[in-house]
Amino acid sequence: EFRAVGRIPLRLGWKAVYQAIDSNAETEAEQTLPSL
């Protein structure tokens, strides 16, 4: 099995609180996927 995972934020919610100090602190490093 080959596998890929993508995540698209719909609403930052509480993560917006941390975004100003560390844009990567609370998010996963996932690639942007084309329409599938």
PDB file of all heavy atoms in Angstrom:
ATOM      1  N   GLU A   1       0.828  -1.211   0.000  1.00  0.00           N
ATOM      2  CA  GLU A   1       0.000   0.000   0.000  1.00  0.00           C
ATOM      3  C   GLU A   1       0.857   1.253   0.000  1.00  0.00           C
ATOM      4  O   GLU A   1       1.741   1.422   0.833  1.00  0.00           O
ATOM      5  CB  GLU A   1      -0.917   0.023   1.223  1.00  0.00           C
ATOM      6  CG  GLU A   1      -1.844   1.237   1.237  1.00  0.00           C
ATOM      7  CD  GLU A   1      -2.720   1.297   2.481  1.00  0.00           C
ATOM      8  OE1 GLU A   1      -2.211   1.758   3.536  1.00  0.00           O
ATOM      9  OE2 GLU A   1      -3.888   0.895   2.391  1.00  0.00           O
ATOM     10  N   PHE A   2       0.583   2.132  -0.963  1.00  0.00           N
ATOM     11  CA  PHE A   2       1.130   3.486  -0.954  1.00  0.00           C
ATOM     12  C   PHE A   2       0.043   4.407  -0.397  1.00  0.00           C
ATOM     13  O   PHE A   2      -1.155   4.178  -0.610  1.00  0.00           O
ATOM     14  CB  PHE A   2       1.543   3.917  -2.364  1.00  0.00           C
ATOM     15  CG  PHE A   2       2.853   3.330  -2.814  1.00  0.00           C
ATOM     16  CD1 PHE A   2       2.926   2.013  -3.253  1.00  0.00           C
ATOM     17  CD2 PHE A   2       4.014   4.084  -2.777  1.00  0.00           C
ATOM     18  CE1 PHE A   2       4.129   1.461  -3.661  1.00  0.00           C
ATOM     19  CE2 PHE A   2       5.226   3.534  -3.177  1.00  0.00           C
ATOM     20  CZ  PHE A   2       5.296   2.226  -3.630  1.00  0.00           C
ATOM     21  N   ARG A   3       0.491   5.482   0.298  1.00  0.00           N
ATOM     22  CA  ARG A   3      -0.480   6.296   1.031  1.00  0.00           C
ATOM     23  C   ARG A   3      -0.059   7.772   0.996  1.00  0.00           C
ATOM     24  O   ARG A   3       1.126   8.100   0.990  1.00  0.00           O
ATOM     25  CB  ARG A   3      -0.542   5.795   2.478  1.00  0.00           C
ATOM     26  CG  ARG A   3      -1.485   6.506   3.411  1.00  0.00           C
ATOM     27  CD  ARG A   3      -1.343   5.891   4.808  1.00  0.00           C
ATOM     28  NE  ARG A   3      -2.114   6.589   5.819  1.00  0.00           N
ATOM     29  CZ  ARG A   3      -3.356   6.289   6.158  1.00  0.00           C
ATOM     30  NH1 ARG A   3      -3.961   5.272   5.573  1.00  0.00           N
ATOM     31  NH2 ARG A   3      -3.996   6.969   7.084  1.00  0.00           N
ATOM     32  N   ALA A   4      -1.047   8.646   0.982  1.00  0.00           N
ATOM     33  CA  ALA A   4      -0.816  10.088   1.093  1.00  0.00           C
ATOM     34  C   ALA A   4      -1.943  10.692   1.924  1.00  0.00           C
ATOM     35  O   ALA A   4      -3.080  10.212   1.888  1.00  0.00           O
ATOM     36  CB  ALA A   4      -0.764  10.744  -0.280  1.00  0.00           C
ATOM     37  N   VAL A   5      -1.605  11.727   2.680  1.00  0.00           N
ATOM     38  CA  VAL A   5      -2.595  12.397   3.521  1.00  0.00           C
ATOM     39  C   VAL A   5      -2.509  13.893   3.276  1.00  0.00           C
ATOM     40  O   VAL A   5      -1.415  14.470   3.212  1.00  0.00           O
ATOM     41  CB  VAL A   5      -2.360  12.103   5.016  1.00  0.00           C
ATOM     42  CG1 VAL A   5      -3.380  12.845   5.879  1.00  0.00           C
ATOM     43  CG2 VAL A   5      -2.434  10.611   5.293  1.00  0.00           C
ATOM     44  N   GLY A   6      -3.645  14.524   3.131  1.00  0.00           N
ATOM     45  CA  GLY A   6      -3.714  15.978   2.970  1.00  0.00           C
ATOM     46  C   GLY A   6      -4.745  16.555   3.916  1.00  0.00           C
ATOM     47  O   GLY A   6      -5.733  15.897   4.260  1.00  0.00           O
ATOM     48  N   ARG A   7      -4.502  17.766   4.354  1.00  0.00           N
ATOM     49  CA  ARG A   7      -5.420  18.412   5.290  1.00  0.00           C
ATOM     50  C   ARG A   7      -5.651  19.846   4.854  1.00  0.00           C
ATOM     51  O   ARG A   7      -4.699  20.592   4.609  1.00  0.00           O
ATOM     52  CB  ARG A   7      -4.847  18.363   6.700  1.00  0.00           C
ATOM     53  CG  ARG A   7      -5.715  19.029   7.741  1.00  0.00           C
ATOM     54  CD  ARG A   7      -5.104  18.967   9.125  1.00  0.00           C
ATOM     55  NE  ARG A   7      -5.106  17.619   9.652  1.00  0.00           N
ATOM     56  CZ  ARG A   7      -4.795  17.323  10.921  1.00  0.00           C
ATOM     57  NH1 ARG A   7      -4.440  18.280  11.752  1.00  0.00           N
ATOM     58  NH2 ARG A   7      -4.830  16.073  11.328  1.00  0.00           N
ATOM     59  N   ILE A   8      -6.925  20.226   4.757  1.00  0.00           N
ATOM     60  CA  ILE A   8      -7.284  21.599   4.388  1.00  0.00           C
ATOM     61  C   ILE A   8      -8.012  22.238   5.563  1.00  0.00           C
ATOM     62  O   ILE A   8      -9.093  21.777   5.970  1.00  0.00           O
ATOM     63  CB  ILE A   8      -8.200  21.621   3.143  1.00  0.00           C
ATOM     64  CG1 ILE A   8      -7.493  20.984   1.956  1.00  0.00           C
ATOM     65  CG2 ILE A   8      -8.627  23.053   2.823  1.00  0.00           C
ATOM     66  CD1 ILE A   8      -8.387  20.824   0.739  1.00  0.00           C
ATOM     67  N   PRO A   9      -7.463  23.300   6.166  1.00  0.00           N
ATOM     68  CA  PRO A   9      -8.153  23.971   7.270  1.00  0.00           C
ATOM     69  C   PRO A   9      -9.449  24.622   6.776  1.00  0.00           C
ATOM     70  O   PRO A   9      -9.473  25.291   5.739  1.00  0.00           O
ATOM     71  CB  PRO A   9      -7.149  25.035   7.736  1.00  0.00           C
ATOM     72  CG  PRO A   9      -5.831  24.593   7.199  1.00  0.00           C
ATOM     73  CD  PRO A   9      -6.137  23.881   5.915  1.00  0.00           C
ATOM     74  N   LEU A  10     -10.515  24.403   7.510  1.00  0.00           N
ATOM     75  CA  LEU A  10     -11.791  25.043   7.204  1.00  0.00           C
ATOM     76  C   LEU A  10     -12.048  26.218   8.143  1.00  0.00           C
ATOM     77  O   LEU A  10     -12.623  27.222   7.750  1.00  0.00           O
ATOM     78  CB  LEU A  10     -12.926  24.024   7.332  1.00  0.00           C
ATOM     79  CG  LEU A  10     -12.817  22.777   6.442  1.00  0.00           C
ATOM     80  CD1 LEU A  10     -13.959  21.818   6.741  1.00  0.00           C
ATOM     81  CD2 LEU A  10     -12.814  23.171   4.970  1.00  0.00           C
ATOM     82  N   ARG A  11     -11.618  26.058   9.401  1.00  0.00           N
ATOM     83  CA  ARG A  11     -11.771  27.123  10.400  1.00  0.00           C
ATOM     84  C   ARG A  11     -10.632  26.980  11.401  1.00  0.00           C
ATOM     85  O   ARG A  11     -10.514  25.960  12.073  1.00  0.00           O
ATOM     86  CB  ARG A  11     -13.119  26.996  11.103  1.00  0.00           C
ATOM     87  CG  ARG A  11     -13.408  28.109  12.083  1.00  0.00           C
ATOM     88  CD  ARG A  11     -14.725  27.859  12.796  1.00  0.00           C
ATOM     89  NE  ARG A  11     -15.133  29.005  13.587  1.00  0.00           N
ATOM     90  CZ  ARG A  11     -16.185  29.020  14.402  1.00  0.00           C
ATOM     91  NH1 ARG A  11     -16.928  27.920  14.527  1.00  0.00           N
ATOM     92  NH2 ARG A  11     -16.493  30.106  15.080  1.00  0.00           N
ATOM     93  N   LEU A  12      -9.789  27.981  11.500  1.00  0.00           N
ATOM     94  CA  LEU A  12      -8.638  27.879  12.387  1.00  0.00           C
ATOM     95  C   LEU A  12      -9.040  27.752  13.850  1.00  0.00           C
ATOM     96  O   LEU A  12      -8.405  27.049  14.626  1.00  0.00           O
ATOM     97  CB  LEU A  12      -7.726  29.097  12.221  1.00  0.00           C
ATOM     98  CG  LEU A  12      -6.778  29.061  11.028  1.00  0.00           C
ATOM     99  CD1 LEU A  12      -5.973  30.346  10.968  1.00  0.00           C
ATOM    100  CD2 LEU A  12      -5.850  27.864  11.098  1.00  0.00           C
ATOM    101  N   GLY A  13     -10.095  28.435  14.257  1.00  0.00           N
ATOM    102  CA  GLY A  13     -10.546  28.339  15.643  1.00  0.00           C
ATOM    103  C   GLY A  13      -9.425  28.676  16.617  1.00  0.00           C
ATOM    104  O   GLY A  13      -8.719  29.681  16.466  1.00  0.00           O
ATOM    105  N   TRP A  14      -9.191  27.801  17.607  1.00  0.00           N
ATOM    106  CA  TRP A  14      -8.203  28.082  18.647  1.00  0.00           C
ATOM    107  C   TRP A  14      -6.780  28.132  18.126  1.00  0.00           C
ATOM    108  O   TRP A  14      -5.901  28.745  18.755  1.00  0.00           O
ATOM    109  CB  TRP A  14      -8.301  27.054  19.775  1.00  0.00           C
ATOM    110  CG  TRP A  14      -8.045  25.631  19.366  1.00  0.00           C
ATOM    111  CD1 TRP A  14      -8.954  24.714  18.968  1.00  0.00           C
ATOM    112  CD2 TRP A  14      -6.766  24.988  19.312  1.00  0.00           C
ATOM    113  NE1 TRP A  14      -8.341  23.526  18.664  1.00  0.00           N
ATOM    114  CE2 TRP A  14      -6.997  23.657  18.875  1.00  0.00           C
ATOM    115  CE3 TRP A  14      -5.466  25.386  19.595  1.00  0.00           C
ATOM    116  CZ2 TRP A  14      -5.964  22.744  18.707  1.00  0.00           C
ATOM    117  CZ3 TRP A  14      -4.431  24.466  19.428  1.00  0.00           C
ATOM    118  CH2 TRP A  14      -4.689  23.166  18.993  1.00  0.00           C
ATOM    119  N   LYS A  15      -6.511  27.511  16.963  1.00  0.00           N
ATOM    120  CA  LYS A  15      -5.149  27.540  16.435  1.00  0.00           C
ATOM    121  C   LYS A  15      -4.724  28.941  16.007  1.00  0.00           C
ATOM    122  O   LYS A  15      -3.532  29.238  15.927  1.00  0.00           O
ATOM    123  CB  LYS A  15      -5.012  26.564  15.273  1.00  0.00           C
ATOM    124  CG  LYS A  15      -5.049  25.108  15.713  1.00  0.00           C
ATOM    125  CD  LYS A  15      -4.381  24.203  14.719  1.00  0.00           C
ATOM    126  CE  LYS A  15      -4.285  22.787  15.264  1.00  0.00           C
ATOM    127  NZ  LYS A  15      -3.472  21.900  14.439  1.00  0.00           N
ATOM    128  N   ALA A  16      -5.693  29.816  15.759  1.00  0.00           N
ATOM    129  CA  ALA A  16      -5.360  31.195  15.420  1.00  0.00           C
ATOM    130  C   ALA A  16      -4.657  31.891  16.578  1.00  0.00           C
ATOM    131  O   ALA A  16      -3.880  32.827  16.380  1.00  0.00           O
ATOM    132  CB  ALA A  16      -6.632  31.960  15.049  1.00  0.00           C
ATOM    133  N   VAL A  17      -4.904  31.432  17.795  1.00  0.00           N
ATOM    134  CA  VAL A  17      -4.275  32.028  18.974  1.00  0.00           C
ATOM    135  C   VAL A  17      -2.769  31.816  18.946  1.00  0.00           C
ATOM    136  O   VAL A  17      -1.991  32.673  19.375  1.00  0.00           O
ATOM    137  CB  VAL A  17      -4.875  31.428  20.264  1.00  0.00           C
ATOM    138  CG1 VAL A  17      -4.169  31.968  21.495  1.00  0.00           C
ATOM    139  CG2 VAL A  17      -6.371  31.702  20.335  1.00  0.00           C
ATOM    140  N   TYR A  18      -2.322  30.663  18.425  1.00  0.00           N
ATOM    141  CA  TYR A  18      -0.909  30.325  18.418  1.00  0.00           C
ATOM    142  C   TYR A  18      -0.210  30.682  17.111  1.00  0.00           C
ATOM    143  O   TYR A  18       1.014  30.646  17.026  1.00  0.00           O
ATOM    144  CB  TYR A  18      -0.725  28.828  18.675  1.00  0.00           C
ATOM    145  CG  TYR A  18      -1.127  28.413  20.065  1.00  0.00           C
ATOM    146  CD1 TYR A  18      -2.377  27.857  20.311  1.00  0.00           C
ATOM    147  CD2 TYR A  18      -0.262  28.587  21.143  1.00  0.00           C
ATOM    148  CE1 TYR A  18      -2.751  27.478  21.592  1.00  0.00           C
ATOM    149  CE2 TYR A  18      -0.618  28.216  22.420  1.00  0.00           C
ATOM    150  CZ  TYR A  18      -1.869  27.659  22.644  1.00  0.00           C
ATOM    151  OH  TYR A  18      -2.232  27.294  23.907  1.00  0.00           O
ATOM    152  N   GLN A  19      -0.986  31.028  16.089  1.00  0.00           N
ATOM    153  CA  GLN A  19      -0.409  31.229  14.761  1.00  0.00           C
ATOM    154  C   GLN A  19       0.588  32.376  14.737  1.00  0.00           C
ATOM    155  O   GLN A  19       1.605  32.326  14.051  1.00  0.00           O
ATOM    156  CB  GLN A  19      -1.533  31.500  13.750  1.00  0.00           C
ATOM    157  CG  GLN A  19      -1.180  31.058  12.348  1.00  0.00           C
ATOM    158  CD  GLN A  19      -2.359  31.175  11.408  1.00  0.00           C
ATOM    159  OE1 GLN A  19      -3.184  32.070  11.542  1.00  0.00           O
ATOM    160  NE2 GLN A  19      -2.453  30.262  10.461  1.00  0.00           N
ATOM    161  N   ALA A  20       0.349  33.405  15.539  1.00  0.00           N
ATOM    162  CA  ALA A  20       1.209  34.587  15.514  1.00  0.00           C
ATOM    163  C   ALA A  20       2.613  34.286  16.020  1.00  0.00           C
ATOM    164  O   ALA A  20       3.589  34.889  15.575  1.00  0.00           O
ATOM    165  CB  ALA A  20       0.581  35.697  16.350  1.00  0.00           C
ATOM    166  N   ILE A  21       2.767  33.353  16.969  1.00  0.00           N
ATOM    167  CA  ILE A  21       4.091  33.080  17.539  1.00  0.00           C
ATOM    168  C   ILE A  21       4.787  31.915  16.857  1.00  0.00           C
ATOM    169  O   ILE A  21       6.008  31.837  16.874  1.00  0.00           O
ATOM    170  CB  ILE A  21       4.000  32.808  19.062  1.00  0.00           C
ATOM    171  CG1 ILE A  21       3.041  31.647  19.354  1.00  0.00           C
ATOM    172  CG2 ILE A  21       3.593  34.052  19.803  1.00  0.00           C
ATOM    173  CD1 ILE A  21       3.099  31.181  20.788  1.00  0.00           C
ATOM    174  N   ASP A  22       4.015  31.018  16.255  1.00  0.00           N
ATOM    175  CA  ASP A  22       4.643  29.858  15.609  1.00  0.00           C
ATOM    176  C   ASP A  22       3.663  29.269  14.625  1.00  0.00           C
ATOM    177  O   ASP A  22       2.785  28.492  14.992  1.00  0.00           O
ATOM    178  CB  ASP A  22       5.054  28.818  16.654  1.00  0.00           C
ATOM    179  CG  ASP A  22       5.883  27.698  16.045  1.00  0.00           C
ATOM    180  OD1 ASP A  22       6.019  27.666  14.812  1.00  0.00           O
ATOM    181  OD2 ASP A  22       6.386  26.863  16.813  1.00  0.00           O
ATOM    182  N   SER A  23       3.832  29.609  13.392  1.00  0.00           N
ATOM    183  CA  SER A  23       2.862  29.166  12.382  1.00  0.00           C
ATOM    184  C   SER A  23       2.863  27.667  12.204  1.00  0.00           C
ATOM    185  O   SER A  23       1.905  27.087  11.703  1.00  0.00           O
ATOM    186  CB  SER A  23       3.161  29.840  11.037  1.00  0.00           C
ATOM    187  OG  SER A  23       4.478  29.523  10.618  1.00  0.00           O
ATOM    188  N   ASN A  24       3.933  26.994  12.639  1.00  0.00           N
ATOM    189  CA  ASN A  24       4.003  25.540  12.477  1.00  0.00           C
ATOM    190  C   ASN A  24       3.785  24.792  13.774  1.00  0.00           C
ATOM    191  O   ASN A  24       3.844  23.571  13.811  1.00  0.00           O
ATOM    192  CB  ASN A  24       5.368  25.141  11.904  1.00  0.00           C
ATOM    193  CG  ASN A  24       5.585  25.708  10.517  1.00  0.00           C
ATOM    194  OD1 ASN A  24       4.689  25.686   9.695  1.00  0.00           O
ATOM    195  ND2 ASN A  24       6.783  26.229  10.275  1.00  0.00           N
ATOM    196  N   ALA A  25       3.545  25.530  14.858  1.00  0.00           N
ATOM    197  CA  ALA A  25       3.518  24.878  16.170  1.00  0.00           C
ATOM    198  C   ALA A  25       2.387  23.886  16.311  1.00  0.00           C
ATOM    199  O   ALA A  25       2.522  22.866  16.956  1.00  0.00           O
ATOM    200  CB  ALA A  25       3.417  25.935  17.264  1.00  0.00           C
ATOM    201  N   GLU A  26       1.262  24.175  15.706  1.00  0.00           N
ATOM    202  CA  GLU A  26       0.104  23.341  15.966  1.00  0.00           C
ATOM    203  C   GLU A  26      -0.429  22.664  14.703  1.00  0.00           C
ATOM    204  O   GLU A  26      -1.549  22.201  14.665  1.00  0.00           O
ATOM    205  CB  GLU A  26      -1.015  24.207  16.591  1.00  0.00           C
ATOM    206  CG  GLU A  26      -0.604  24.936  17.862  1.00  0.00           C
ATOM    207  CD  GLU A  26      -0.358  23.988  19.014  1.00  0.00           C
ATOM    208  OE1 GLU A  26      -0.923  22.878  19.004  1.00  0.00           O
ATOM    209  OE2 GLU A  26       0.387  24.344  19.926  1.00  0.00           O
ATOM    210  N   THR A  27       0.323  22.678  13.642  1.00  0.00           N
ATOM    211  CA  THR A  27      -0.177  22.088  12.403  1.00  0.00           C
ATOM    212  C   THR A  27       0.751  21.000  11.923  1.00  0.00           C
ATOM    213  O   THR A  27       1.936  20.991  12.213  1.00  0.00           O
ATOM    214  CB  THR A  27      -0.305  23.169  11.304  1.00  0.00           C
ATOM    215  OG1 THR A  27       0.977  23.740  11.087  1.00  0.00           O
ATOM    216  CG2 THR A  27      -1.277  24.246  11.723  1.00  0.00           C
ATOM    217  N   GLU A  28       0.230  20.077  11.148  1.00  0.00           N
ATOM    218  CA  GLU A  28       1.023  18.992  10.604  1.00  0.00           C
ATOM    219  C   GLU A  28       1.597  19.403   9.245  1.00  0.00           C
ATOM    220  O   GLU A  28       0.983  20.148   8.486  1.00  0.00           O
ATOM    221  CB  GLU A  28       0.158  17.741  10.427  1.00  0.00           C
ATOM    222  CG  GLU A  28      -0.347  17.174  11.731  1.00  0.00           C
ATOM    223  CD  GLU A  28      -1.171  15.924  11.500  1.00  0.00           C
ATOM    224  OE1 GLU A  28      -1.059  15.340  10.409  1.00  0.00           O
ATOM    225  OE2 GLU A  28      -1.923  15.550  12.401  1.00  0.00           O
ATOM    226  N   ALA A  29       2.773  18.909   8.958  1.00  0.00           N
ATOM    227  CA  ALA A  29       3.398  19.186   7.664  1.00  0.00           C
ATOM    228  C   ALA A  29       2.819  18.212   6.648  1.00  0.00           C
ATOM    229  O   ALA A  29       3.370  17.139   6.427  1.00  0.00           O
ATOM    230  CB  ALA A  29       4.904  19.041   7.760  1.00  0.00           C
ATOM    231  N   GLU A  30       1.715  18.575   6.034  1.00  0.00           N
ATOM    232  CA  GLU A  30       1.061  17.701   5.063  1.00  0.00           C
ATOM    233  C   GLU A  30       0.973  18.425   3.725  1.00  0.00           C
ATOM    234  O   GLU A  30       0.771  19.643   3.666  1.00  0.00           O
ATOM    235  CB  GLU A  30      -0.338  17.309   5.547  1.00  0.00           C
ATOM    236  CG  GLU A  30      -0.293  16.427   6.798  1.00  0.00           C
ATOM    237  CD  GLU A  30      -1.676  16.097   7.311  1.00  0.00           C
ATOM    238  OE1 GLU A  30      -2.600  16.869   7.031  1.00  0.00           O
ATOM    239  OE2 GLU A  30      -1.828  15.077   7.990  1.00  0.00           O
ATOM    240  N   GLN A  31       1.108  17.668   2.632  1.00  0.00           N
ATOM    241  CA  GLN A  31       1.114  18.270   1.311  1.00  0.00           C
ATOM    242  C   GLN A  31      -0.295  18.665   0.865  1.00  0.00           C
ATOM    243  O   GLN A  31      -1.303  18.172   1.374  1.00  0.00           O
ATOM    244  CB  GLN A  31       1.720  17.285   0.318  1.00  0.00           C
ATOM    245  CG  GLN A  31       0.940  15.979   0.199  1.00  0.00           C
ATOM    246  CD  GLN A  31       1.595  15.014  -0.762  1.00  0.00           C
ATOM    247  OE1 GLN A  31       2.019  15.385  -1.853  1.00  0.00           O
ATOM    248  NE2 GLN A  31       1.698  13.754  -0.354  1.00  0.00           N
ATOM    249  N   THR A  32      -0.323  19.592  -0.068  1.00  0.00           N
ATOM    250  CA  THR A  32      -1.594  19.986  -0.674  1.00  0.00           C
ATOM    251  C   THR A  32      -1.903  19.016  -1.813  1.00  0.00           C
ATOM    252  O   THR A  32      -1.072  18.808  -2.708  1.00  0.00           O
ATOM    253  CB  THR A  32      -1.507  21.420  -1.221  1.00  0.00           C
ATOM    254  OG1 THR A  32      -1.193  22.297  -0.146  1.00  0.00           O
ATOM    255  CG2 THR A  32      -2.834  21.828  -1.856  1.00  0.00           C
ATOM    256  N   LEU A  33      -3.090  18.420  -1.773  1.00  0.00           N
ATOM    257  CA  LEU A  33      -3.463  17.425  -2.777  1.00  0.00           C
ATOM    258  C   LEU A  33      -4.332  18.065  -3.854  1.00  0.00           C
ATOM    259  O   LEU A  33      -5.110  18.983  -3.580  1.00  0.00           O
ATOM    260  CB  LEU A  33      -4.237  16.281  -2.117  1.00  0.00           C
ATOM    261  CG  LEU A  33      -3.486  15.496  -1.035  1.00  0.00           C
ATOM    262  CD1 LEU A  33      -4.416  14.466  -0.409  1.00  0.00           C
ATOM    263  CD2 LEU A  33      -2.255  14.813  -1.610  1.00  0.00           C
ATOM    264  N   PRO A  34      -4.210  17.576  -5.103  1.00  0.00           N
ATOM    265  CA  PRO A  34      -5.135  18.050  -6.147  1.00  0.00           C
ATOM    266  C   PRO A  34      -6.536  17.494  -5.894  1.00  0.00           C
ATOM    267  O   PRO A  34      -6.739  16.656  -5.010  1.00  0.00           O
ATOM    268  CB  PRO A  34      -4.531  17.470  -7.429  1.00  0.00           C
ATOM    269  CG  PRO A  34      -3.793  16.250  -6.980  1.00  0.00           C
ATOM    270  CD  PRO A  34      -3.274  16.569  -5.607  1.00  0.00           C
ATOM    271  N   SER A  35      -7.487  17.945  -6.676  1.00  0.00           N
ATOM    272  CA  SER A  35      -8.846  17.422  -6.553  1.00  0.00           C
ATOM    273  C   SER A  35      -8.852  15.939  -6.938  1.00  0.00           C
ATOM    274  O   SER A  35      -8.338  15.554  -8.000  1.00  0.00           O
ATOM    275  CB  SER A  35      -9.782  18.208  -7.480  1.00  0.00           C
ATOM    276  OG  SER A  35     -11.081  17.675  -7.421  1.00  0.00           O
ATOM    277  N   LEU A  36      -9.409  15.102  -6.048  1.00  0.00           N
ATOM    278  CA  LEU A  36      -9.388  13.651  -6.262  1.00  0.00           C
ATOM    279  C   LEU A  36     -10.770  13.070  -6.019  1.00  0.00           C
ATOM    280  O   LEU A  36     -11.563  13.618  -5.248  1.00  0.00           O
ATOM    281  CB  LEU A  36      -8.380  12.991  -5.304  1.00  0.00           C
ATOM    282  CG  LEU A  36      -6.914  13.412  -5.415  1.00  0.00           C
ATOM    283  CD1 LEU A  36      -6.123  12.888  -4.220  1.00  0.00           C
ATOM    284  CD2 LEU A  36      -6.309  12.903  -6.722  1.00  0.00           C
TER     285      LEU A  36
END
